[in-house]
Amino acid sequence: MIFRKLMILIVLAGIPFSSALSAQQFRGGPATNQFPVDDPIIKAIWEEGWDNSQVYSLAQVLADSIGPRLPGSPAFDAGADWALKLFRSWGMEGRTEEYGTWKAWERGVTNVDLLEPRIRSLDGMMQAWSPGTDGPVTGEVVTLPMASSPEEFQEFLGTVRGKFVLMSAAETSCRPMDNWEEWATVQSLEAYQQLRQETRADWNARMMATGLVSQGGRGPDQSAIVRALEEAGAAGLFSSSWTGYWGSSRLGGTRNAVAPGIQFGCEDYGLLFRLAENGQGPVVRLNAEVEELGTAPTYNVIGEIRGTEKPDEYIILSAHFDTWDGGSGATDNNTGTVIMMEAARILKEVYPNPKRTILVALWNGEEQGLNGSRAFVADHPDIVEKTQALFNQDNGTGRVSNISMQGLTGVAPYVGGWMAALPTQISQHIDLNIPGNPGTGGSDYASFICASVPAFSLSSLRWSYGQTYHNPTDTFDKVIIDDVKNNAVLTAMLTYMASEEEDLLPRDHRVLGLDPRTGEPRAWPQCRAPARNADGYFRR
């Protein structure tokens, strides 16, 4: 870009570089009167992204109407059809790219009711891919005993047929820690923390006492314990994974083969645990409906705006389209998906003939190991070799606040130039991490950075992301619409500037130093093969 060298010096020197856009103008909508670089495309992206934004409607339909999208599920197919229809309505090409198969499963209703010693409907939900029940099943709830030997655990197995077994420790309190710290005395806070540690140690001791331990003996073999309980005829396996926040418990997938795996909210799991531990005879009725659909194709969803001057070079807008299905997947990763789709819509409107080809890549199977993006890297070495830049977003709904160079030593001048060309309302929130370190996992950019592709994670403000993702509270109301609009505009601008560069970005990377554990030099991360079917994931 013609302003890059000047802007790099400004950015790297730490000199403020402001546009004339005021905060009042920003709150009232996009102002059109001055930008750091007199670029009509940057200006048009700003206006289109704020005046004609489709972020709200995209996010609302995806969360509320289509809902969560497990790999292999009919809901994923419905979401893919929706995305492709939109791509085509915007004048883009759209396609799916199959890379394997996965277990096909569709959730029905889950109803769990406490019947004894009193009646209460419970906050319980099947984990993904759980077996269901054949109609309502009633049974006693029991905990794992503190066995004195593996033989005693085997005796316990003889008593569990038709019963529901509690598989995790109950929280001592479902009050968040900041609530304790605000209101407790020093003595009661210390006592609570001590009791919490003892409770967790006790539960780990119970699991170890089964004699079913992991290779090396460092911890319990959860899969082997589940298998033993299923073979003994347990009616279901209950657990809870609290996020530490009011009303928020984690929900993921289960590998159970026979017994339904039910995840409970913190409070109701604690109720069942206390009743069972104190010999008060809890009895529940469970009705868990599922549809087992065999296997189904897994595929990525791709939108494309074909380049004009360098059509065989690429900018990739990256987000994972699959979600866990406890909530709506609103911040993990509907928001990333909407950012990339909206950025593409804006670009097609104001920059319809890009120099390089722009791909919108909505990945499948991210939650099970970055499988969709890893398959793309393995299957498209030609695209990987010619990818100018990849922009990925996958950590919630907040404004982008950090972009790392991922250990690539030559890209900072380019990114610094792009940053200097952004409206200050966007750039003032963003720190650049130079040179950074290559990501090894966590999201789909890591599938590309291992191949030295300039793959950038657009890392956002947290907005309590740790308390919403992977659980039933991850719903549309958590989406911060203005921040997602900001991120879509940012992504469109970065994509435009990356597309207009004369040359491909350099791929030189840093020396990573010594591994403190081994004393040996750290190596650049190696690209991993994707799981192309569910066999390994569900093998126990």
Protein backbone atom coordinates (compact mmCIF):
# COMPACT_ATOMS: atom_id res chain seq x y z
CA MET A 1 0.00 0.00 0.00
CA ILE A 2 1.37 3.45 -0.85
CA PHE A 3 1.16 4.69 2.75
CA ARG A 4 2.70 1.60 4.34
CA LYS A 5 6.22 2.80 5.09
CA LEU A 6 5.02 6.05 6.61
CA MET A 7 2.33 4.34 8.64
CA ILE A 8 4.68 1.59 9.84
CA LEU A 9 7.02 4.22 11.23
CA ILE A 10 4.11 5.93 12.98
CA VAL A 11 2.75 2.67 14.43
CA LEU A 12 6.06 1.25 15.53
CA ALA A 13 7.15 4.54 17.03
CA GLY A 14 4.02 4.63 19.13
CA ILE A 15 2.91 8.02 17.76
CA PRO A 16 -0.87 8.48 17.91
CA PHE A 17 -2.46 8.68 14.50
CA SER A 18 -6.07 9.84 14.71
CA SER A 19 -8.84 10.39 12.23
CA ALA A 20 -11.31 13.21 12.64
CA LEU A 21 -14.17 10.83 13.47
CA SER A 22 -15.57 11.70 16.87
CA ALA A 23 -17.05 9.29 19.42
CA GLN A 24 -20.38 11.04 19.00
CA GLN A 25 -20.26 10.45 15.24
CA PHE A 26 -19.41 6.81 15.86
CA ARG A 27 -22.33 6.26 18.21
CA GLY A 28 -24.68 7.91 15.75
CA GLY A 29 -23.52 5.84 12.80
CA PRO A 30 -20.60 6.09 10.40
CA ALA A 31 -19.22 9.51 9.61
CA THR A 32 -17.96 9.93 6.08
CA ASN A 33 -15.74 12.91 6.36
CA GLN A 34 -12.14 11.88 7.10
CA PHE A 35 -10.10 8.71 7.31
CA PRO A 36 -6.41 8.11 7.98
CA VAL A 37 -5.94 7.10 4.35
CA ASP A 38 -7.95 8.70 1.58
CA ASP A 39 -9.18 5.37 0.24
CA PRO A 40 -12.70 5.20 -1.18
CA ILE A 41 -12.96 1.44 -0.58
CA ILE A 42 -12.11 1.78 3.12
CA LYS A 43 -14.71 4.53 3.34
CA ALA A 44 -17.31 2.45 1.49
CA ILE A 45 -16.68 -0.57 3.74
CA TRP A 46 -17.27 1.62 6.80
CA GLU A 47 -20.51 3.02 5.43
CA GLU A 48 -21.87 -0.33 4.23
CA GLY A 49 -20.90 -2.08 7.45
CA TRP A 50 -22.63 0.44 9.69
CA ASP A 51 -25.47 1.83 7.59
CA ASN A 52 -26.63 -1.42 6.00
CA SER A 53 -25.41 -4.02 8.49
CA GLN A 54 -27.04 -7.43 8.44
CA VAL A 55 -25.28 -8.62 11.61
CA TYR A 56 -28.40 -8.63 13.78
CA SER A 57 -30.53 -10.62 11.34
CA LEU A 58 -27.74 -13.09 10.54
CA ALA A 59 -26.95 -13.71 14.20
CA GLN A 60 -30.59 -13.96 15.26
CA VAL A 61 -31.60 -16.46 12.58
CA LEU A 62 -28.48 -18.57 13.12
CA ALA A 63 -28.94 -18.74 16.89
CA ASP A 64 -32.70 -18.80 17.34
CA SER A 65 -34.11 -20.42 14.21
CA ILE A 66 -31.37 -22.76 12.96
CA GLY A 67 -29.78 -23.32 16.35
CA PRO A 68 -26.77 -25.44 17.32
CA ARG A 69 -24.99 -27.57 14.71
CA LEU A 70 -23.24 -30.77 15.71
CA PRO A 71 -21.12 -32.43 13.01
CA GLY A 72 -23.22 -34.95 11.11
CA SER A 73 -26.51 -33.56 12.39
CA PRO A 74 -29.55 -32.46 10.37
CA ALA A 75 -29.14 -29.06 12.03
CA PHE A 76 -25.68 -28.67 10.49
CA ASP A 77 -27.18 -29.47 7.08
CA ALA A 78 -29.92 -26.86 7.62
CA GLY A 79 -27.33 -24.26 8.59
CA ALA A 80 -25.20 -25.06 5.56
CA ASP A 81 -28.20 -24.69 3.24
CA TRP A 82 -28.95 -21.31 4.82
CA ALA A 83 -25.36 -20.06 4.40
CA LEU A 84 -25.12 -21.23 0.79
CA LYS A 85 -28.42 -19.57 -0.09
CA LEU A 86 -27.15 -16.30 1.35
CA PHE A 87 -23.81 -16.52 -0.46
CA ARG A 88 -25.61 -16.98 -3.76
CA SER A 89 -28.08 -14.18 -3.04
CA TRP A 90 -25.09 -11.87 -2.52
CA GLY A 91 -23.69 -12.81 -5.93
CA MET A 92 -21.02 -15.15 -4.58
CA GLU A 93 -20.27 -18.75 -5.43
CA GLY A 94 -21.07 -21.28 -2.72
CA ARG A 95 -20.24 -24.95 -2.27
CA THR A 96 -19.64 -27.69 0.26
CA GLU A 97 -16.46 -29.75 0.44
CA GLU A 98 -16.84 -33.19 1.98
CA TYR A 99 -13.88 -34.54 3.91
CA GLY A 100 -15.24 -37.56 5.81
CA THR A 101 -18.13 -38.90 7.86
CA TRP A 102 -19.33 -38.56 11.43
CA LYS A 103 -21.86 -40.05 13.81
CA ALA A 104 -25.31 -38.70 12.88
CA TRP A 105 -27.41 -37.94 15.93
CA GLU A 106 -30.33 -35.65 16.69
CA ARG A 107 -31.39 -34.49 20.13
CA GLY A 108 -34.95 -34.88 21.35
CA VAL A 109 -36.41 -33.79 24.67
CA THR A 110 -34.71 -34.50 27.99
CA ASN A 111 -36.91 -34.56 31.07
CA VAL A 112 -35.48 -35.39 34.50
CA ASP A 113 -37.75 -35.30 37.55
CA LEU A 114 -36.94 -35.97 41.19
CA LEU A 115 -39.72 -38.21 42.59
CA GLU A 116 -38.35 -39.07 46.06
CA PRO A 117 -37.98 -37.78 48.74
CA ARG A 118 -39.89 -34.89 47.13
CA ILE A 119 -41.02 -33.86 43.68
CA ARG A 120 -38.97 -31.42 41.62
CA SER A 121 -38.19 -31.02 37.91
CA LEU A 122 -34.42 -30.97 37.51
CA ASP A 123 -32.01 -28.98 35.35
CA GLY A 124 -30.55 -31.88 33.36
CA MET A 125 -29.70 -32.28 29.67
CA MET A 126 -28.29 -35.06 27.53
CA GLN A 127 -24.74 -34.64 26.38
CA ALA A 128 -24.17 -34.76 22.63
CA TRP A 129 -24.21 -38.24 21.07
CA SER A 130 -25.65 -39.75 24.26
CA PRO A 131 -27.76 -42.91 24.05
CA GLY A 132 -31.38 -42.25 24.90
CA THR A 133 -34.00 -44.12 26.90
CA ASP A 134 -36.81 -46.25 25.55
CA GLY A 135 -39.49 -44.19 27.23
CA PRO A 136 -39.34 -42.93 30.84
CA VAL A 137 -37.03 -44.84 33.21
CA THR A 138 -37.28 -44.59 37.00
CA GLY A 139 -34.46 -45.49 39.34
CA GLU A 140 -32.52 -44.72 42.48
CA VAL A 141 -29.57 -42.32 42.41
CA VAL A 142 -26.28 -43.51 43.95
CA THR A 143 -22.72 -42.24 44.23
CA LEU A 144 -19.48 -44.09 43.75
CA PRO A 145 -18.42 -45.48 47.15
CA MET A 146 -15.03 -45.02 48.73
CA ALA A 147 -13.91 -48.58 48.05
CA SER A 148 -11.12 -50.08 50.12
CA SER A 149 -9.98 -52.22 47.19
CA PRO A 150 -10.79 -52.86 43.51
CA GLU A 151 -12.60 -55.99 44.70
CA GLU A 152 -14.96 -53.84 46.78
CA PHE A 153 -15.67 -51.71 43.71
CA GLN A 154 -16.54 -54.88 41.81
CA GLU A 155 -19.02 -55.72 44.57
CA PHE A 156 -20.56 -52.26 44.14
CA LEU A 157 -20.98 -52.94 40.42
CA GLY A 158 -23.24 -55.82 41.35
CA THR A 159 -25.70 -53.35 42.93
CA VAL A 160 -26.05 -50.69 40.19
CA ARG A 161 -28.40 -52.37 37.73
CA GLY A 162 -31.30 -50.03 37.04
CA LYS A 163 -29.76 -47.20 39.06
CA PHE A 164 -28.43 -43.78 38.09
CA VAL A 165 -24.80 -43.27 39.10
CA LEU A 166 -23.28 -39.88 39.95
CA MET A 167 -19.98 -39.53 38.08
CA SER A 168 -18.45 -36.29 39.36
CA ALA A 169 -17.96 -34.43 42.62
CA ALA A 170 -20.62 -31.94 43.64
CA GLU A 171 -19.59 -28.33 44.21
CA THR A 172 -19.46 -27.29 47.84
CA SER A 173 -21.26 -24.09 46.86
CA CYS A 174 -22.70 -22.85 43.56
CA ARG A 175 -21.94 -19.26 44.49
CA PRO A 176 -19.22 -17.77 42.26
CA MET A 177 -15.92 -17.13 43.99
CA ASP A 178 -16.24 -13.35 43.65
CA ASN A 179 -19.46 -13.58 45.70
CA TRP A 180 -17.60 -15.39 48.47
CA GLU A 181 -14.74 -12.91 48.33
CA GLU A 182 -17.10 -9.95 48.59
CA TRP A 183 -19.24 -11.14 51.50
CA ALA A 184 -17.44 -13.85 53.48
CA THR A 185 -15.32 -13.35 56.56
CA VAL A 186 -11.69 -14.30 56.20
CA GLN A 187 -12.32 -17.38 58.34
CA SER A 188 -15.37 -18.61 56.41
CA LEU A 189 -13.67 -18.04 53.05
CA GLU A 190 -10.65 -20.06 54.16
CA ALA A 191 -12.92 -22.81 55.48
CA TYR A 192 -14.85 -22.91 52.21
CA GLN A 193 -11.71 -23.12 50.10
CA GLN A 194 -10.33 -25.88 52.33
CA LEU A 195 -13.57 -27.86 52.15
CA ARG A 196 -13.68 -27.49 48.37
CA GLN A 197 -10.15 -28.88 48.05
CA GLU A 198 -10.97 -31.78 50.36
CA THR A 199 -14.16 -32.58 48.41
CA ARG A 200 -12.26 -32.77 45.13
CA ALA A 201 -9.49 -34.86 46.66
CA ASP A 202 -12.09 -37.22 48.12
CA TRP A 203 -13.75 -37.70 44.75
CA ASN A 204 -10.46 -38.35 42.99
CA ALA A 205 -9.65 -40.94 45.67
CA ARG A 206 -12.99 -42.66 45.01
CA MET A 207 -12.28 -42.82 41.30
CA MET A 208 -8.77 -44.16 41.87
CA ALA A 209 -10.12 -46.77 44.31
CA THR A 210 -11.96 -48.45 41.43
CA GLY A 211 -8.60 -49.82 40.31
CA LEU A 212 -9.35 -48.52 36.80
CA VAL A 213 -6.53 -46.05 36.29
CA SER A 214 -4.98 -44.40 33.26
CA GLN A 215 -1.82 -45.63 31.67
CA GLY A 216 0.99 -44.73 34.03
CA GLY A 217 -1.37 -44.72 37.01
CA ARG A 218 -1.55 -40.94 37.35
CA GLY A 219 -5.32 -40.65 37.29
CA PRO A 220 -8.56 -42.58 36.95
CA ASP A 221 -9.47 -44.06 33.59
CA GLN A 222 -12.84 -42.39 33.10
CA SER A 223 -13.68 -44.40 29.98
CA ALA A 224 -12.97 -47.70 31.72
CA ILE A 225 -15.15 -46.71 34.69
CA VAL A 226 -18.01 -45.74 32.35
CA ARG A 227 -17.66 -49.04 30.49
CA ALA A 228 -17.73 -51.04 33.73
CA LEU A 229 -20.87 -49.24 34.93
CA GLU A 230 -22.61 -49.73 31.59
CA GLU A 231 -21.76 -53.42 31.56
CA ALA A 232 -23.15 -53.67 35.10
CA GLY A 233 -26.50 -52.31 33.88
CA ALA A 234 -26.51 -48.74 35.19
CA ALA A 235 -29.63 -46.93 33.95
CA GLY A 236 -27.77 -43.68 33.38
CA LEU A 237 -24.65 -41.73 34.29
CA PHE A 238 -25.08 -38.26 35.81
CA SER A 239 -22.43 -35.54 36.05
CA SER A 240 -21.90 -31.80 36.29
CA SER A 241 -19.21 -29.42 35.04
CA TRP A 242 -19.72 -25.99 36.55
CA THR A 243 -18.19 -22.90 34.92
CA GLY A 244 -17.94 -21.08 38.25
CA TYR A 245 -20.65 -18.62 37.26
CA TRP A 246 -24.30 -18.30 38.25
CA GLY A 247 -26.48 -20.87 36.47
CA SER A 248 -23.83 -21.93 33.97
CA SER A 249 -22.56 -25.49 33.53
CA ARG A 250 -20.50 -26.93 30.70
CA LEU A 251 -22.07 -29.33 28.20
CA GLY A 252 -20.12 -31.30 25.63
CA GLY A 253 -20.15 -34.75 24.09
CA THR A 254 -20.21 -38.21 25.60
CA ARG A 255 -18.83 -41.51 24.40
CA ASN A 256 -21.28 -43.63 26.37
CA ALA A 257 -22.43 -46.68 24.44
CA VAL A 258 -25.54 -47.74 26.41
CA ALA A 259 -26.29 -45.59 29.45
CA PRO A 260 -27.57 -42.04 28.82
CA GLY A 261 -25.08 -39.37 29.84
CA ILE A 262 -26.88 -36.49 31.54
CA GLN A 263 -25.20 -33.24 32.53
CA PHE A 264 -26.82 -31.24 35.34
CA GLY A 265 -26.71 -27.67 36.49
CA CYS A 266 -24.62 -27.08 39.58
CA GLU A 267 -27.51 -26.64 42.01
CA ASP A 268 -29.59 -29.67 41.02
CA TYR A 269 -26.56 -31.95 40.79
CA GLY A 270 -25.60 -30.89 44.29
CA LEU A 271 -29.13 -31.70 45.46
CA LEU A 272 -28.93 -35.26 44.07
CA PHE A 273 -25.44 -35.73 45.47
CA ARG A 274 -26.36 -34.62 48.99
CA LEU A 275 -29.50 -36.76 49.05
CA ALA A 276 -27.56 -39.83 47.94
CA GLU A 277 -24.61 -39.24 50.26
CA ASN A 278 -26.87 -38.75 53.26
CA GLY A 279 -28.94 -41.86 52.61
CA GLN A 280 -32.12 -39.94 51.82
CA GLY A 281 -33.14 -42.18 48.94
CA PRO A 282 -33.27 -39.97 45.84
CA VAL A 283 -35.34 -41.49 43.02
CA VAL A 284 -35.58 -39.85 39.59
CA ARG A 285 -37.47 -40.43 36.38
CA LEU A 286 -35.57 -39.85 33.13
CA ASN A 287 -36.98 -39.55 29.65
CA ALA A 288 -34.25 -38.93 27.06
CA GLU A 289 -35.27 -38.96 23.41
CA VAL A 290 -32.71 -39.22 20.62
CA GLU A 291 -32.60 -40.20 16.99
CA GLU A 292 -29.63 -42.35 16.04
CA LEU A 293 -29.11 -41.76 12.32
CA GLY A 294 -26.05 -43.89 11.61
CA THR A 295 -23.31 -41.90 9.88
CA ALA A 296 -23.48 -38.82 7.70
CA PRO A 297 -21.05 -36.89 5.50
CA THR A 298 -19.03 -34.15 7.16
CA TYR A 299 -18.11 -31.15 5.08
CA ASN A 300 -16.96 -27.56 5.15
CA VAL A 301 -19.07 -24.73 3.73
CA ILE A 302 -17.21 -22.46 1.31
CA GLY A 303 -18.19 -19.11 -0.18
CA GLU A 304 -16.06 -17.52 -2.88
CA ILE A 305 -15.51 -14.14 -4.53
CA ARG A 306 -13.23 -14.88 -7.47
CA GLY A 307 -10.15 -12.71 -7.89
CA THR A 308 -9.50 -10.81 -11.09
CA GLU A 309 -5.75 -10.15 -11.31
CA LYS A 310 -4.44 -13.02 -9.14
CA PRO A 311 -7.31 -15.50 -8.93
CA ASP A 312 -5.01 -18.32 -7.81
CA GLU A 313 -3.94 -16.44 -4.70
CA TYR A 314 -6.28 -16.36 -1.70
CA ILE A 315 -7.52 -14.50 1.34
CA ILE A 316 -9.42 -16.83 3.69
CA LEU A 317 -12.10 -15.62 6.10
CA SER A 318 -12.16 -18.37 8.68
CA ALA A 319 -14.63 -19.43 11.38
CA HIS A 320 -15.94 -22.76 12.58
CA PHE A 321 -19.59 -23.47 11.79
CA ASP A 322 -20.05 -26.47 14.07
CA THR A 323 -21.15 -25.94 17.67
CA TRP A 324 -21.92 -27.94 20.75
CA ASP A 325 -25.66 -28.13 21.19
CA GLY A 326 -26.36 -27.21 24.80
CA GLY A 327 -27.36 -23.65 23.91
CA SER A 328 -27.40 -21.92 20.53
CA GLY A 329 -23.65 -21.66 19.94
CA ALA A 330 -24.14 -17.90 19.87
CA THR A 331 -20.62 -16.90 20.93
CA ASP A 332 -18.93 -20.17 19.96
CA ASN A 333 -18.95 -19.72 17.11
CA ASN A 334 -21.97 -18.03 15.57
CA THR A 335 -20.31 -14.67 16.13
CA GLY A 336 -17.20 -15.68 14.21
CA THR A 337 -19.36 -17.11 11.45
CA VAL A 338 -21.45 -13.95 11.20
CA ILE A 339 -18.32 -11.77 11.14
CA MET A 340 -16.91 -13.64 8.16
CA MET A 341 -20.21 -13.83 6.28
CA GLU A 342 -20.97 -10.14 6.84
CA ALA A 343 -17.42 -9.16 5.84
CA ALA A 344 -17.87 -11.09 2.59
CA ARG A 345 -21.26 -9.47 1.97
CA ILE A 346 -19.76 -6.01 2.47
CA LEU A 347 -16.84 -6.77 0.17
CA LYS A 348 -19.08 -8.16 -2.56
CA GLU A 349 -21.07 -4.92 -2.38
CA VAL A 350 -18.19 -2.40 -2.41
CA TYR A 351 -15.18 -4.40 -3.72
CA PRO A 352 -16.79 -6.92 -6.09
CA ASN A 353 -13.71 -7.53 -8.22
CA PRO A 354 -10.88 -8.20 -5.76
CA LYS A 355 -7.33 -8.65 -6.93
CA ARG A 356 -7.11 -12.03 -5.15
CA THR A 357 -9.77 -14.67 -4.57
CA ILE A 358 -11.59 -14.32 -1.26
CA LEU A 359 -12.79 -17.54 0.38
CA VAL A 360 -15.24 -17.67 3.28
CA ALA A 361 -14.43 -20.95 5.02
CA LEU A 362 -16.99 -22.15 7.57
CA TRP A 363 -15.33 -25.19 9.09
CA ASN A 364 -16.85 -28.36 10.47
CA GLY A 365 -15.51 -30.48 13.34
CA GLU A 366 -13.49 -27.76 15.06
CA GLU A 367 -14.69 -28.82 18.49
CA GLN A 368 -13.46 -32.38 17.93
CA GLY A 369 -9.94 -31.39 16.90
CA LEU A 370 -9.93 -28.77 14.10
CA ASN A 371 -10.89 -31.56 11.72
CA GLY A 372 -12.49 -29.51 8.95
CA SER A 373 -9.68 -26.98 8.63
CA ARG A 374 -6.99 -29.64 8.98
CA ALA A 375 -8.66 -31.60 6.18
CA PHE A 376 -8.72 -28.48 4.00
CA VAL A 377 -4.99 -27.94 4.53
CA ALA A 378 -4.28 -31.59 3.68
CA ASP A 379 -6.58 -31.61 0.65
CA HIS A 380 -5.66 -28.22 -0.88
CA PRO A 381 -1.86 -27.79 -0.85
CA ASP A 382 -2.18 -25.51 -3.89
CA ILE A 383 -4.41 -23.08 -2.00
CA VAL A 384 -2.29 -23.31 1.15
CA GLU A 385 0.83 -22.44 -0.84
CA LYS A 386 -0.85 -19.38 -2.35
CA THR A 387 -2.77 -18.06 0.66
CA GLN A 388 -1.92 -14.43 1.24
CA ALA A 389 -3.58 -14.23 4.66
CA LEU A 390 -6.18 -15.97 6.79
CA PHE A 391 -8.30 -14.12 9.36
CA ASN A 392 -9.96 -16.29 12.01
CA GLN A 393 -12.32 -15.32 14.83
CA ASP A 394 -13.39 -17.75 17.56
CA ASN A 395 -13.31 -16.39 21.08
CA GLY A 396 -16.61 -14.70 21.58
CA THR A 397 -18.55 -11.60 20.85
CA GLY A 398 -16.28 -8.73 21.94
CA ARG A 399 -14.36 -6.20 19.90
CA VAL A 400 -11.11 -7.50 18.44
CA SER A 401 -8.39 -6.36 20.82
CA ASN A 402 -5.26 -8.32 19.85
CA ILE A 403 -3.70 -9.68 16.68
CA SER A 404 -0.56 -11.80 16.99
CA MET A 405 1.96 -12.25 14.21
CA GLN A 406 2.09 -15.92 15.24
CA GLY A 407 5.89 -16.02 15.14
CA LEU A 408 6.12 -14.96 11.49
CA THR A 409 8.93 -12.42 11.41
CA GLY A 410 8.18 -10.64 8.14
CA VAL A 411 4.48 -9.86 8.42
CA ALA A 412 4.49 -7.09 11.04
CA PRO A 413 5.28 -4.26 8.57
CA TYR A 414 2.33 -5.28 6.43
CA VAL A 415 -0.09 -5.63 9.33
CA GLY A 416 1.22 -2.39 10.82
CA GLY A 417 0.48 -0.63 7.54
CA TRP A 418 -3.02 -2.06 7.43
CA MET A 419 -3.63 -1.00 11.02
CA ALA A 420 -2.55 2.55 10.27
CA ALA A 421 -5.08 2.70 7.45
CA LEU A 422 -7.99 1.70 9.69
CA PRO A 423 -10.37 4.24 11.22
CA THR A 424 -9.15 5.02 14.71
CA GLN A 425 -12.46 3.87 16.18
CA ILE A 426 -11.36 0.36 15.27
CA SER A 427 -7.56 0.48 15.54
CA GLN A 428 -7.45 2.14 18.96
CA HIS A 429 -8.75 -1.04 20.57
CA ILE A 430 -6.18 -3.38 18.99
CA ASP A 431 -2.72 -4.38 20.20
CA LEU A 432 -0.30 -6.13 17.87
CA ASN A 433 1.74 -8.97 19.33
CA ILE A 434 5.10 -8.91 17.52
CA PRO A 435 6.52 -11.42 16.71
CA GLY A 436 4.30 -13.64 18.86
CA ASN A 437 4.36 -17.42 18.94
CA PRO A 438 2.71 -19.91 16.60
CA GLY A 439 -0.58 -21.29 17.83
CA THR A 440 -0.66 -25.05 18.19
CA GLY A 441 -4.41 -25.52 18.66
CA GLY A 442 -7.41 -23.81 20.10
CA SER A 443 -8.94 -22.73 16.80
CA ASP A 444 -8.67 -23.20 13.07
CA TYR A 445 -5.88 -20.70 12.38
CA ALA A 446 -3.54 -23.28 13.95
CA SER A 447 -4.29 -25.67 11.07
CA PHE A 448 -2.64 -23.14 8.75
CA ILE A 449 0.09 -21.55 10.85
CA CYS A 450 1.80 -24.95 11.08
CA ALA A 451 2.23 -24.67 7.29
CA SER A 452 3.67 -21.15 7.79
CA VAL A 453 0.59 -19.51 6.27
CA PRO A 454 0.07 -15.95 7.59
CA ALA A 455 -2.93 -17.01 9.66
CA PHE A 456 -4.13 -14.42 12.15
CA SER A 457 -6.40 -14.98 15.11
CA LEU A 458 -8.59 -11.91 15.61
CA SER A 459 -8.69 -12.18 19.38
CA SER A 460 -11.52 -10.32 21.07
CA LEU A 461 -12.45 -8.89 24.45
CA ARG A 462 -13.73 -11.68 26.66
CA TRP A 463 -17.21 -10.53 27.74
CA SER A 464 -17.17 -13.44 30.25
CA TYR A 465 -16.64 -15.88 27.39
CA GLY A 466 -15.45 -18.55 29.84
CA GLN A 467 -18.86 -18.54 31.48
CA THR A 468 -20.93 -18.80 28.27
CA TYR A 469 -19.22 -21.05 25.76
CA HIS A 470 -20.07 -24.78 25.60
CA ASN A 471 -23.12 -24.47 27.81
CA PRO A 472 -26.86 -23.74 27.68
CA THR A 473 -26.35 -20.01 28.41
CA ASP A 474 -24.61 -19.50 25.04
CA THR A 475 -27.67 -17.89 23.47
CA PHE A 476 -28.46 -14.95 21.18
CA ASP A 477 -28.93 -12.46 24.02
CA LYS A 478 -25.19 -12.73 24.78
CA VAL A 479 -24.22 -11.34 21.36
CA ILE A 480 -22.92 -7.75 21.50
CA ILE A 481 -24.19 -6.57 18.14
CA ASP A 482 -22.11 -3.39 17.86
CA ASP A 483 -18.91 -5.28 18.62
CA VAL A 484 -19.69 -7.90 15.99
CA LYS A 485 -20.43 -5.11 13.47
CA ASN A 486 -17.06 -3.58 14.34
CA ASN A 487 -15.31 -6.90 13.78
CA ALA A 488 -17.01 -7.49 10.43
CA VAL A 489 -15.95 -4.03 9.24
CA LEU A 490 -12.39 -4.68 10.51
CA THR A 491 -12.23 -8.03 8.73
CA ALA A 492 -13.51 -6.57 5.47
CA MET A 493 -10.91 -3.79 5.61
CA LEU A 494 -8.04 -6.16 6.41
CA THR A 495 -9.16 -8.47 3.61
CA TYR A 496 -9.28 -5.63 1.10
CA MET A 497 -5.82 -4.37 2.04
CA ALA A 498 -4.30 -7.87 2.03
CA SER A 499 -5.84 -8.48 -1.39
CA GLU A 500 -4.37 -5.30 -2.82
CA GLU A 501 -0.77 -6.00 -1.78
CA GLU A 502 1.57 -6.46 -4.72
CA ASP A 503 3.33 -9.55 -3.38
CA LEU A 504 2.54 -12.50 -1.18
CA LEU A 505 3.35 -11.95 2.46
CA PRO A 506 6.65 -13.47 3.66
CA ARG A 507 6.56 -16.72 5.61
CA ASP A 508 9.84 -16.55 7.50
CA HIS A 509 9.41 -17.49 11.14
CA ARG A 510 11.27 -16.93 14.34
CA VAL A 511 13.60 -19.20 16.25
CA LEU A 512 11.45 -20.36 19.13
CA GLY A 513 14.11 -20.77 21.79
CA LEU A 514 14.50 -23.61 24.26
CA ASP A 515 11.79 -25.78 25.72
CA PRO A 516 12.08 -25.18 29.49
CA ARG A 517 11.03 -28.77 30.21
CA THR A 518 13.61 -30.46 28.01
CA GLY A 519 16.26 -27.81 27.40
CA GLU A 520 16.03 -28.63 23.69
CA PRO A 521 15.24 -26.10 20.94
CA ARG A 522 11.52 -25.78 20.31
CA ALA A 523 10.39 -26.72 16.83
CA TRP A 524 7.80 -25.02 14.66
CA PRO A 525 4.49 -26.87 15.16
CA GLN A 526 3.83 -29.74 12.78
CA CYS A 527 0.57 -29.98 10.88
CA ARG A 528 -1.63 -32.81 12.15
CA ALA A 529 -3.86 -35.13 10.17
CA PRO A 530 -7.61 -34.65 10.63
CA ALA A 531 -10.00 -37.24 11.98
CA ARG A 532 -12.07 -38.08 8.91
CA ASN A 533 -14.53 -40.29 10.74
CA ALA A 534 -15.83 -40.78 14.26
CA ASP A 535 -14.22 -44.17 14.92
CA GLY A 536 -11.23 -42.83 16.80
CA TYR A 537 -13.23 -40.20 18.64
CA PHE A 538 -15.77 -42.66 20.01
CA ARG A 539 -13.39 -45.60 20.48
CA ARG A 540 -12.97 -46.35 24.16
